[in-house]
C-alpha atoms as a PDB file:
ATOM      1  CA  MET A   1     -13.813 -21.052  -1.442  1.00  0.00           C
ATOM      2  CA  ASN A   2     -15.600 -20.544  -4.738  1.00  0.00           C
ATOM      3  CA  THR A   3     -13.577 -20.204  -7.929  1.00  0.00           C
ATOM      4  CA  PRO A   4     -14.328 -17.632 -10.613  1.00  0.00           C
ATOM      5  CA  ALA A   5     -14.728 -18.625 -14.202  1.00  0.00           C
ATOM      6  CA  GLU A   6     -11.387 -19.142 -15.897  1.00  0.00           C
ATOM      7  CA  GLY A   7     -10.534 -16.631 -18.596  1.00  0.00           C
ATOM      8  CA  PHE A   8      -8.568 -17.324 -21.745  1.00  0.00           C
ATOM      9  CA  ILE A   9      -5.034 -15.933 -21.774  1.00  0.00           C
ATOM     10  CA  PRO A  10      -3.350 -15.757 -25.203  1.00  0.00           C
ATOM     11  CA  GLN A  11      -0.021 -17.481 -25.700  1.00  0.00           C
ATOM     12  CA  GLY A  12       3.263 -15.654 -26.218  1.00  0.00           C
ATOM     13  CA  SER A  13       4.101 -12.020 -25.638  1.00  0.00           C
ATOM     14  CA  ARG A  14       0.489 -10.928 -26.030  1.00  0.00           C
ATOM     15  CA  GLY A  15      -0.491 -13.064 -23.064  1.00  0.00           C
ATOM     16  CA  VAL A  16       2.362 -11.650 -20.994  1.00  0.00           C
ATOM     17  CA  TRP A  17       1.368  -8.089 -21.872  1.00  0.00           C
ATOM     18  CA  LEU A  18      -2.277  -8.848 -21.043  1.00  0.00           C
ATOM     19  CA  LEU A  19      -1.217  -9.685 -17.494  1.00  0.00           C
ATOM     20  CA  ALA A  20       1.518  -7.066 -17.238  1.00  0.00           C
ATOM     21  CA  TRP A  21      -0.119  -3.783 -18.236  1.00  0.00           C
ATOM     22  CA  PRO A  22      -2.563  -3.553 -15.287  1.00  0.00           C
ATOM     23  CA  SER A  23       0.312  -4.246 -12.875  1.00  0.00           C
ATOM     24  CA  ILE A  24       2.453  -1.567 -14.521  1.00  0.00           C
ATOM     25  CA  ILE A  25      -0.292   1.031 -14.159  1.00  0.00           C
ATOM     26  CA  THR A  26      -0.996  -0.096 -10.582  1.00  0.00           C
ATOM     27  CA  ASN A  27       2.648   0.427  -9.604  1.00  0.00           C
ATOM     28  CA  LEU A  28       2.686   3.809 -11.344  1.00  0.00           C
ATOM     29  CA  LEU A  29      -0.379   4.844  -9.356  1.00  0.00           C
ATOM     30  CA  TYR A  30       1.350   3.881  -6.110  1.00  0.00           C
ATOM     31  CA  ALA A  31       4.354   5.992  -7.099  1.00  0.00           C
ATOM     32  CA  THR A  32       2.131   8.879  -8.174  1.00  0.00           C
ATOM     33  CA  GLY A  33       0.439   8.958  -4.782  1.00  0.00           C
ATOM     34  CA  SER A  34       3.808   9.427  -3.090  1.00  0.00           C
ATOM     35  CA  ILE A  35       4.785  12.221  -5.471  1.00  0.00           C
ATOM     36  CA  ILE A  36       1.479  14.005  -4.889  1.00  0.00           C
ATOM     37  CA  ALA A  37       2.010  13.858  -1.112  1.00  0.00           C
ATOM     38  CA  ILE A  38       5.357  15.610  -1.521  1.00  0.00           C
ATOM     39  CA  LYS A  39       3.787  18.152  -3.875  1.00  0.00           C
ATOM     40  CA  ILE A  40       1.031  18.979  -1.397  1.00  0.00           C
ATOM     41  CA  VAL A  41       3.399  19.632   1.503  1.00  0.00           C
ATOM     42  CA  GLY A  42       5.610  21.719  -0.769  1.00  0.00           C
ATOM     43  CA  GLN A  43       3.464  24.760  -0.013  1.00  0.00           C
ATOM     44  CA  PHE A  44       4.538  24.620   3.647  1.00  0.00           C
ATOM     45  CA  GLY A  45       8.307  24.683   3.172  1.00  0.00           C
ATOM     46  CA  SER A  46      11.443  22.593   2.748  1.00  0.00           C
ATOM     47  CA  ASP A  47      11.333  21.129   6.259  1.00  0.00           C
ATOM     48  CA  GLU A  48       7.830  19.817   5.644  1.00  0.00           C
ATOM     49  CA  ILE A  49       8.954  18.344   2.332  1.00  0.00           C
ATOM     50  CA  ALA A  50      11.733  16.521   4.188  1.00  0.00           C
ATOM     51  CA  ALA A  51       9.092  15.068   6.514  1.00  0.00           C
ATOM     52  CA  ALA A  52       7.005  13.756   3.614  1.00  0.00           C
ATOM     53  CA  VAL A  53      10.063  12.303   1.890  1.00  0.00           C
ATOM     54  CA  THR A  54      11.034  10.506   5.096  1.00  0.00           C
ATOM     55  CA  GLY A  55       7.558   9.004   5.315  1.00  0.00           C
ATOM     56  CA  GLN A  56       7.792   7.743   1.744  1.00  0.00           C
ATOM     57  CA  ARG A  57      11.239   6.267   2.405  1.00  0.00           C
ATOM     58  CA  ILE A  58       9.876   4.139   5.233  1.00  0.00           C
ATOM     59  CA  SER A  59       6.911   3.076   3.096  1.00  0.00           C
ATOM     60  CA  PHE A  60       9.256   1.997   0.308  1.00  0.00           C
ATOM     61  CA  ILE A  61      11.459   0.075   2.746  1.00  0.00           C
ATOM     62  CA  LEU A  62       8.413  -1.770   4.093  1.00  0.00           C
ATOM     63  CA  GLN A  63       7.272  -2.476   0.544  1.00  0.00           C
ATOM     64  CA  ALA A  64      10.700  -3.886  -0.346  1.00  0.00           C
ATOM     65  CA  VAL A  65      10.707  -6.190   2.688  1.00  0.00           C
ATOM     66  CA  LEU A  66       7.185  -7.421   2.029  1.00  0.00           C
ATOM     67  CA  SER A  67       7.906  -7.935  -1.670  1.00  0.00           C
ATOM     68  CA  GLY A  68      10.670 -10.347  -0.732  1.00  0.00           C
ATOM     69  CA  VAL A  69       8.344 -12.270   1.566  1.00  0.00           C
ATOM     70  CA  LEU A  70       5.540 -12.274  -0.983  1.00  0.00           C
ATOM     71  CA  ALA A  71       7.725 -13.618  -3.797  1.00  0.00           C
ATOM     72  CA  GLY A  72       7.301 -17.065  -2.286  1.00  0.00           C
ATOM     73  CA  THR A  73       3.566 -16.528  -1.949  1.00  0.00           C
ATOM     74  CA  THR A  74       3.228 -15.766  -5.643  1.00  0.00           C
ATOM     75  CA  ALA A  75       4.998 -18.982  -6.612  1.00  0.00           C
ATOM     76  CA  LEU A  76       3.112 -21.240  -4.188  1.00  0.00           C
ATOM     77  CA  VAL A  77      -0.330 -19.772  -4.779  1.00  0.00           C
ATOM     78  CA  ALA A  78       0.078 -19.701  -8.565  1.00  0.00           C
ATOM     79  CA  ARG A  79       1.299 -23.294  -8.610  1.00  0.00           C
ATOM     80  CA  ASN A  80      -1.603 -24.634  -6.559  1.00  0.00           C
ATOM     81  CA  TRP A  81      -4.179 -22.450  -8.291  1.00  0.00           C
ATOM     82  CA  GLY A  82      -2.983 -23.632 -11.697  1.00  0.00           C
ATOM     83  CA  ALA A  83      -3.207 -27.238 -10.517  1.00  0.00           C
ATOM     84  CA  LYS A  84      -6.755 -26.522  -9.268  1.00  0.00           C
ATOM     85  CA  ASN A  85      -5.720 -27.172  -5.658  1.00  0.00           C
ATOM     86  CA  TYR A  86      -7.822 -24.245  -4.512  1.00  0.00           C
ATOM     87  CA  ASP A  87      -7.888 -25.255  -0.852  1.00  0.00           C
ATOM     88  CA  ASN A  88      -4.095 -25.346  -0.700  1.00  0.00           C
ATOM     89  CA  ALA A  89      -3.900 -22.001  -2.478  1.00  0.00           C
ATOM     90  CA  SER A  90      -6.328 -20.536   0.050  1.00  0.00           C
ATOM     91  CA  GLN A  91      -4.245 -21.843   2.939  1.00  0.00           C
ATOM     92  CA  PHE A  92      -1.096 -20.240   1.542  1.00  0.00           C
ATOM     93  CA  ILE A  93      -2.953 -16.942   1.203  1.00  0.00           C
ATOM     94  CA  VAL A  94      -4.187 -17.100   4.804  1.00  0.00           C
ATOM     95  CA  THR A  95      -0.700 -17.938   6.076  1.00  0.00           C
ATOM     96  CA  THR A  96       0.761 -15.080   4.047  1.00  0.00           C
ATOM     97  CA  VAL A  97      -1.742 -12.574   5.383  1.00  0.00           C
ATOM     98  CA  GLN A  98      -0.961 -13.660   8.944  1.00  0.00           C
ATOM     99  CA  LEU A  99       2.795 -13.294   8.389  1.00  0.00           C
ATOM    100  CA  VAL A 100       2.442  -9.911   6.680  1.00  0.00           C
ATOM    101  CA  LEU A 101       0.178  -8.628   9.439  1.00  0.00           C
ATOM    102  CA  VAL A 102       2.771  -9.583  12.058  1.00  0.00           C
ATOM    103  CA  LEU A 103       5.543  -7.832  10.116  1.00  0.00           C
ATOM    104  CA  SER A 104       3.370  -4.773   9.512  1.00  0.00           C
ATOM    105  CA  VAL A 105       2.308  -4.483  13.150  1.00  0.00           C
ATOM    106  CA  VAL A 106       5.915  -4.796  14.322  1.00  0.00           C
ATOM    107  CA  THR A 107       6.992  -2.169  11.785  1.00  0.00           C
ATOM    108  CA  SER A 108       4.174   0.148  12.804  1.00  0.00           C
ATOM    109  CA  ILE A 109       5.066  -0.071  16.499  1.00  0.00           C
ATOM    110  CA  PHE A 110       8.795   0.285  15.820  1.00  0.00           C
ATOM    111  CA  VAL A 111       8.411   3.336  13.575  1.00  0.00           C
ATOM    112  CA  HIS A 112       5.991   5.009  15.972  1.00  0.00           C
ATOM    113  CA  LYS A 113       8.270   4.445  18.964  1.00  0.00           C
ATOM    114  CA  TYR A 114      11.541   5.345  17.249  1.00  0.00           C
ATOM    115  CA  ALA A 115      10.294   8.014  14.838  1.00  0.00           C
ATOM    116  CA  TYR A 116      12.764  10.566  16.193  1.00  0.00           C
ATOM    117  CA  ASP A 117      15.746   8.206  15.915  1.00  0.00           C
ATOM    118  CA  ILE A 118      14.766   7.149  12.398  1.00  0.00           C
ATOM    119  CA  SER A 119      14.511  10.767  11.294  1.00  0.00           C
ATOM    120  CA  PHE A 120      17.862  11.517  12.939  1.00  0.00           C
ATOM    121  CA  PHE A 121      19.382   8.587  11.045  1.00  0.00           C
ATOM    122  CA  PHE A 122      18.419  10.298   7.792  1.00  0.00           C
ATOM    123  CA  ALA A 123      20.595  13.265   8.845  1.00  0.00           C
ATOM    124  CA  LEU A 124      17.663  15.573   9.553  1.00  0.00           C
ATOM    125  CA  ARG A 125      18.140  18.345  12.071  1.00  0.00           C
ATOM    126  CA  GLY A 126      16.176  21.235  13.527  1.00  0.00           C
ATOM    127  CA  ASP A 127      12.583  21.668  12.361  1.00  0.00           C
ATOM    128  CA  ALA A 128      13.037  19.019   9.675  1.00  0.00           C
ATOM    129  CA  LEU A 129      13.833  16.471  12.388  1.00  0.00           C
ATOM    130  CA  THR A 130      10.806  17.489  14.464  1.00  0.00           C
ATOM    131  CA  TYR A 131       8.408  17.518  11.528  1.00  0.00           C
ATOM    132  CA  SER A 132       9.648  14.180  10.196  1.00  0.00           C
ATOM    133  CA  SER A 133       9.230  12.554  13.594  1.00  0.00           C
ATOM    134  CA  GLU A 134       5.637  13.762  13.841  1.00  0.00           C
ATOM    135  CA  TYR A 135       4.930  12.737  10.249  1.00  0.00           C
ATOM    136  CA  LEU A 136       6.132   9.194  10.906  1.00  0.00           C
ATOM    137  CA  ARG A 137       4.106   8.916  14.116  1.00  0.00           C
ATOM    138  CA  VAL A 138       0.944   9.916  12.263  1.00  0.00           C
ATOM    139  CA  LEU A 139       1.593   7.627   9.295  1.00  0.00           C
ATOM    140  CA  SER A 140       2.908   4.546  11.134  1.00  0.00           C
ATOM    141  CA  PRO A 141      -0.428   3.086  12.362  1.00  0.00           C
ATOM    142  CA  TYR A 142      -1.594   2.812   8.761  1.00  0.00           C
ATOM    143  CA  PHE A 143       1.324   0.568   7.789  1.00  0.00           C
ATOM    144  CA  ILE A 144      -0.830  -2.333   8.970  1.00  0.00           C
ATOM    145  CA  PHE A 145      -3.378  -1.660   6.230  1.00  0.00           C
ATOM    146  CA  TYR A 146      -0.583  -0.950   3.763  1.00  0.00           C
ATOM    147  CA  GLY A 147       0.911  -4.388   4.363  1.00  0.00           C
ATOM    148  CA  LEU A 148      -2.463  -6.103   4.267  1.00  0.00           C
ATOM    149  CA  GLY A 149      -3.274  -4.468   0.942  1.00  0.00           C
ATOM    150  CA  ILE A 150       0.028  -5.507  -0.626  1.00  0.00           C
ATOM    151  CA  ALA A 151      -0.430  -9.098   0.584  1.00  0.00           C
ATOM    152  CA  LEU A 152      -3.923  -9.448  -0.852  1.00  0.00           C
ATOM    153  CA  ILE A 153      -2.985  -7.717  -4.105  1.00  0.00           C
ATOM    154  CA  THR A 154      -0.119 -10.191  -4.501  1.00  0.00           C
ATOM    155  CA  ALA A 155      -2.517 -13.076  -3.879  1.00  0.00           C
ATOM    156  CA  LEU A 156      -4.896 -11.781  -6.546  1.00  0.00           C
ATOM    157  CA  ARG A 157      -2.083 -11.426  -9.051  1.00  0.00           C
ATOM    158  CA  ALA A 158      -0.931 -14.963  -8.262  1.00  0.00           C
ATOM    159  CA  VAL A 159      -4.312 -16.339  -9.354  1.00  0.00           C
ATOM    160  CA  GLY A 160      -4.238 -14.269 -12.539  1.00  0.00           C
ATOM    161  CA  ASP A 161      -6.456 -11.386 -11.420  1.00  0.00           C
ATOM    162  CA  VAL A 162      -4.534  -8.229 -12.298  1.00  0.00           C
ATOM    163  CA  LYS A 163      -7.469  -5.901 -12.909  1.00  0.00           C
ATOM    164  CA  THR A 164      -8.900  -5.895  -9.375  1.00  0.00           C
ATOM    165  CA  PRO A 165      -5.608  -4.515  -7.955  1.00  0.00           C
ATOM    166  CA  LEU A 166      -5.741  -1.808 -10.628  1.00  0.00           C
ATOM    167  CA  ILE A 167      -9.240  -0.803  -9.549  1.00  0.00           C
ATOM    168  CA  ILE A 168      -8.106  -0.757  -5.923  1.00  0.00           C
ATOM    169  CA  ALA A 169      -5.111   1.423  -6.810  1.00  0.00           C
ATOM    170  CA  LEU A 170      -7.399   3.893  -8.584  1.00  0.00           C
ATOM    171  CA  ILE A 171      -9.700   4.078  -5.571  1.00  0.00           C
ATOM    172  CA  MET A 172      -6.723   4.523  -3.247  1.00  0.00           C
ATOM    173  CA  ASN A 173      -5.250   7.273  -5.385  1.00  0.00           C
ATOM    174  CA  ILE A 174      -8.491   9.212  -5.642  1.00  0.00           C
ATOM    175  CA  SER A 175      -9.242   8.927  -1.926  1.00  0.00           C
ATOM    176  CA  GLY A 176      -5.628   9.680  -1.005  1.00  0.00           C
ATOM    177  CA  VAL A 177      -5.416  12.842  -3.099  1.00  0.00           C
ATOM    178  CA  PHE A 178      -8.809  13.994  -1.837  1.00  0.00           C
ATOM    179  CA  PHE A 179      -8.010  13.561   1.847  1.00  0.00           C
ATOM    180  CA  MET A 180      -4.468  14.893   1.539  1.00  0.00           C
ATOM    181  CA  ILE A 181      -5.686  18.123  -0.053  1.00  0.00           C
ATOM    182  CA  VAL A 182      -8.660  18.501   2.281  1.00  0.00           C
ATOM    183  CA  LEU A 183      -6.825  17.722   5.528  1.00  0.00           C
ATOM    184  CA  ALA A 184      -3.674  19.661   4.641  1.00  0.00           C
ATOM    185  CA  ASN A 185      -5.677  22.813   3.934  1.00  0.00           C
ATOM    186  CA  GLY A 186      -8.701  22.458   6.211  1.00  0.00           C
ATOM    187  CA  TYR A 187     -11.252  22.365   3.398  1.00  0.00           C
ATOM    188  CA  LEU A 188     -14.908  21.254   3.700  1.00  0.00           C
ATOM    189  CA  GLY A 189     -15.036  22.024   7.406  1.00  0.00           C
ATOM    190  CA  PHE A 190     -12.232  19.628   8.346  1.00  0.00           C
ATOM    191  CA  LYS A 191      -9.504  20.631  10.774  1.00  0.00           C
ATOM    192  CA  ASN A 192      -6.418  22.104   9.132  1.00  0.00           C
ATOM    193  CA  TYR A 193      -3.626  19.622   9.870  1.00  0.00           C
ATOM    194  CA  GLY A 194      -1.048  21.363   7.699  1.00  0.00           C
ATOM    195  CA  TYR A 195       1.738  19.097   6.480  1.00  0.00           C
ATOM    196  CA  LEU A 196       0.437  16.299   8.724  1.00  0.00           C
ATOM    197  CA  GLY A 197      -2.700  16.271   6.584  1.00  0.00           C
ATOM    198  CA  ALA A 198      -0.624  14.625   3.861  1.00  0.00           C
ATOM    199  CA  ALA A 199       0.350  11.848   6.279  1.00  0.00           C
ATOM    200  CA  LEU A 200      -3.262  11.377   7.354  1.00  0.00           C
ATOM    201  CA  GLY A 201      -4.542  11.413   3.777  1.00  0.00           C
ATOM    202  CA  ASN A 202      -1.904   8.927   2.712  1.00  0.00           C
ATOM    203  CA  GLY A 203      -2.749   6.687   5.650  1.00  0.00           C
ATOM    204  CA  ILE A 204      -6.467   6.886   4.935  1.00  0.00           C
ATOM    205  CA  SER A 205      -5.780   5.767   1.364  1.00  0.00           C
ATOM    206  CA  TYR A 206      -4.042   2.660   2.772  1.00  0.00           C
ATOM    207  CA  LEU A 207      -7.073   2.026   4.967  1.00  0.00           C
ATOM    208  CA  VAL A 208      -9.492   2.491   2.073  1.00  0.00           C
ATOM    209  CA  GLY A 209      -7.428   0.186  -0.132  1.00  0.00           C
ATOM    210  CA  GLY A 210      -7.260  -2.529   2.508  1.00  0.00           C
ATOM    211  CA  VAL A 211     -10.998  -2.432   3.177  1.00  0.00           C
ATOM    212  CA  CYS A 212     -11.890  -2.378  -0.531  1.00  0.00           C
ATOM    213  CA  ILE A 213      -9.693  -5.308  -1.450  1.00  0.00           C
ATOM    214  CA  ILE A 214     -11.086  -7.378   1.420  1.00  0.00           C
ATOM    215  CA  LEU A 215     -14.657  -6.629   0.339  1.00  0.00           C
ATOM    216  CA  LEU A 216     -14.034  -7.210  -3.372  1.00  0.00           C
ATOM    217  CA  GLY A 217     -12.034 -10.365  -2.716  1.00  0.00           C
ATOM    218  CA  TYR A 218     -14.776 -11.715  -0.491  1.00  0.00           C
ATOM    219  CA  LEU A 219     -17.540 -10.933  -2.980  1.00  0.00           C
ATOM    220  CA  VAL A 220     -15.681 -12.387  -5.969  1.00  0.00           C
ATOM    221  CA  TYR A 221     -13.983 -15.439  -4.468  1.00  0.00           C
ATOM    222  CA  TYR A 222     -16.062 -16.451  -1.452  1.00  0.00           C
ATOM    223  CA  GLN A 223     -19.640 -15.883  -2.554  1.00  0.00           C
END
């Protein structure tokens, strides 16, 4: 594993802010993507909005679970990276990715299989229950890429790289908005998926983010 040149980080609050502001914007972009998905399905009706909100709830729950797991990763990777034990840091990252992938795959399978029951748990009935179930089934396979992206972004932050995750978030947001609008309305010759287009577009943004962060991480840290 090659190591990038070390950058100077100012002491005090200025140094904290230097590391914090890209993460703040990155998190805002993640939240914005969810809001846009709800906005896009708003044209179809309240039941469709309920479906999109249910999808975002599950995404946030998965994010909360993974954040707890990744808290340990941040500490261990940062400690070894700061001590220049790059091989140990790499091993912790690999182990983390493996664990997150297992959790994400299990979540994806569980949500896909029990989409109806999950939607029912949120007190949805009638068309809202049906639409939410379908929305979750469409979105659930992409949770694997969602988890992978969060794991690798956490690893990058642990080694002090906060700008690459910001770039990834921008790419995800742009691709997500594009595909949500196109697939929800059948633009550019694509099939009109209606409210499910928002689920597909959101999922594609997870896929794009996962692929981009793997490629950028490989080019920067392993070449």
